[in-house]
Amino acid sequence: MNPYAKSRSAEPANPYAKASAYKSTSVNTSSPADLVLMLYDGILRFLNNARGGFSIKDPVEYHQTINENLQKAQAIIRELRSCLDVEKATEFGETMTGLYD
């Protein structure tokens, strides 16, 4: 073994790898109710980001920020709606379908 060789660190090269691993673990170990709550938090985060886009002066960045964040929020809402089992929770399911539409 070469004593002058650099030892390889176990640290990931990507500085966001630990955060990504934590997020993945929290999603994989959460209850269904917690997952829905995480999705609602995501919707609110993307809507707030879109609202922040209204203060951007550059017209391209203005439209891009608002559009991308609204699309992400809409994608989460579409996914929530597609997972809704109206047959099992008729009244609640209908209420949520109306909310998601």
Protein backbone atom coordinates (compact mmCIF):
# COMPACT_ATOMS: atom_id res chain seq x y z
CA MET A 1 0.00 0.00 0.00
CA ASN A 2 1.35 3.42 -0.94
CA PRO A 3 1.65 5.61 2.19
CA TYR A 4 1.57 8.76 0.03
CA ALA A 5 -1.65 7.94 -1.77
CA LYS A 6 -4.65 9.97 -0.82
CA SER A 7 -7.17 7.99 1.12
CA ARG A 8 -10.62 7.95 -0.33
CA SER A 9 -13.16 9.46 1.92
CA ALA A 10 -16.50 7.81 2.47
CA GLU A 11 -18.06 11.24 2.00
CA PRO A 12 -20.17 11.54 -1.15
CA ALA A 13 -18.95 13.87 -3.87
CA ASN A 14 -22.38 15.49 -4.13
CA PRO A 15 -22.91 17.92 -1.24
CA TYR A 16 -26.66 17.29 -1.38
CA ALA A 17 -26.36 13.49 -1.23
CA LYS A 18 -26.90 13.32 2.53
CA ALA A 19 -30.00 15.51 2.36
CA SER A 20 -31.32 13.45 -0.53
CA ALA A 21 -30.68 10.21 1.37
CA TYR A 22 -32.46 11.62 4.44
CA LYS A 23 -35.44 12.71 2.36
CA SER A 24 -35.61 9.32 0.66
CA THR A 25 -35.49 7.52 4.01
CA SER A 26 -38.18 9.74 5.51
CA VAL A 27 -40.46 9.11 2.52
CA ASN A 28 -39.87 5.35 2.60
CA THR A 29 -40.53 5.04 6.34
CA SER A 30 -43.47 7.44 6.71
CA SER A 31 -47.09 6.49 7.21
CA PRO A 32 -49.57 7.17 4.40
CA ALA A 33 -50.98 10.13 6.36
CA ASP A 34 -47.50 11.60 6.76
CA LEU A 35 -46.87 11.17 3.03
CA VAL A 36 -50.04 13.10 2.21
CA LEU A 37 -48.93 15.82 4.62
CA MET A 38 -45.53 15.97 2.88
CA LEU A 39 -47.30 16.35 -0.46
CA TYR A 40 -49.45 19.20 0.88
CA ASP A 41 -46.29 20.84 2.23
CA GLY A 42 -44.79 20.52 -1.24
CA ILE A 43 -47.84 22.15 -2.81
CA LEU A 44 -47.59 25.08 -0.41
CA ARG A 45 -43.84 25.41 -0.98
CA PHE A 46 -44.25 25.49 -4.78
CA LEU A 47 -47.15 27.96 -4.58
CA ASN A 48 -45.08 30.25 -2.35
CA ASN A 49 -42.17 29.98 -4.80
CA ALA A 50 -44.54 30.89 -7.64
CA ARG A 51 -45.84 33.86 -5.67
CA GLY A 52 -42.25 34.99 -5.12
CA GLY A 53 -41.80 34.97 -8.88
CA PHE A 54 -44.12 37.96 -9.19
CA SER A 55 -41.41 40.18 -7.70
CA ILE A 56 -38.80 39.20 -10.31
CA LYS A 57 -37.95 42.00 -12.72
CA ASP A 58 -36.51 39.93 -15.59
CA PRO A 59 -39.53 38.89 -17.72
CA VAL A 60 -38.06 35.53 -18.75
CA GLU A 61 -37.13 34.54 -15.20
CA TYR A 62 -40.47 35.96 -13.98
CA HIS A 63 -42.50 33.68 -16.26
CA GLN A 64 -40.18 30.69 -15.84
CA THR A 65 -40.28 30.81 -12.03
CA ILE A 66 -44.04 31.17 -11.85
CA ASN A 67 -44.71 28.56 -14.55
CA GLU A 68 -42.34 25.89 -13.21
CA ASN A 69 -43.58 26.16 -9.65
CA LEU A 70 -47.26 26.16 -10.63
CA GLN A 71 -46.68 23.08 -12.79
CA LYS A 72 -45.01 21.28 -9.88
CA ALA A 73 -47.91 22.13 -7.56
CA GLN A 74 -50.41 20.98 -10.19
CA ALA A 75 -48.51 17.70 -10.67
CA ILE A 76 -48.80 16.94 -6.95
CA ILE A 77 -52.52 17.76 -6.99
CA ARG A 78 -53.06 15.50 -10.03
CA GLU A 79 -51.24 12.67 -8.24
CA LEU A 80 -53.29 13.13 -5.07
CA ARG A 81 -56.48 13.08 -7.13
CA SER A 82 -55.45 9.94 -9.03
CA CYS A 83 -54.81 8.08 -5.75
CA LEU A 84 -58.17 9.03 -4.28
CA ASP A 85 -60.42 6.00 -3.72
CA VAL A 86 -63.90 7.49 -3.92
CA GLU A 87 -65.57 4.07 -3.53
CA LYS A 88 -64.07 3.51 -0.07
CA ALA A 89 -64.61 7.03 1.24
CA THR A 90 -67.63 8.21 -0.69
CA GLU A 91 -68.49 11.51 1.01
CA PHE A 92 -64.91 12.41 1.85
CA GLY A 93 -63.76 11.24 -1.58
CA GLU A 94 -66.30 13.44 -3.33
CA THR A 95 -65.29 16.42 -1.20
CA MET A 96 -61.62 15.90 -2.01
CA THR A 97 -62.36 15.38 -5.71
CA GLY A 98 -64.14 18.75 -5.72
CA LEU A 99 -61.19 20.32 -3.95
CA TYR A 100 -58.64 18.85 -6.37
CA ASP A 101 -60.66 19.92 -9.42
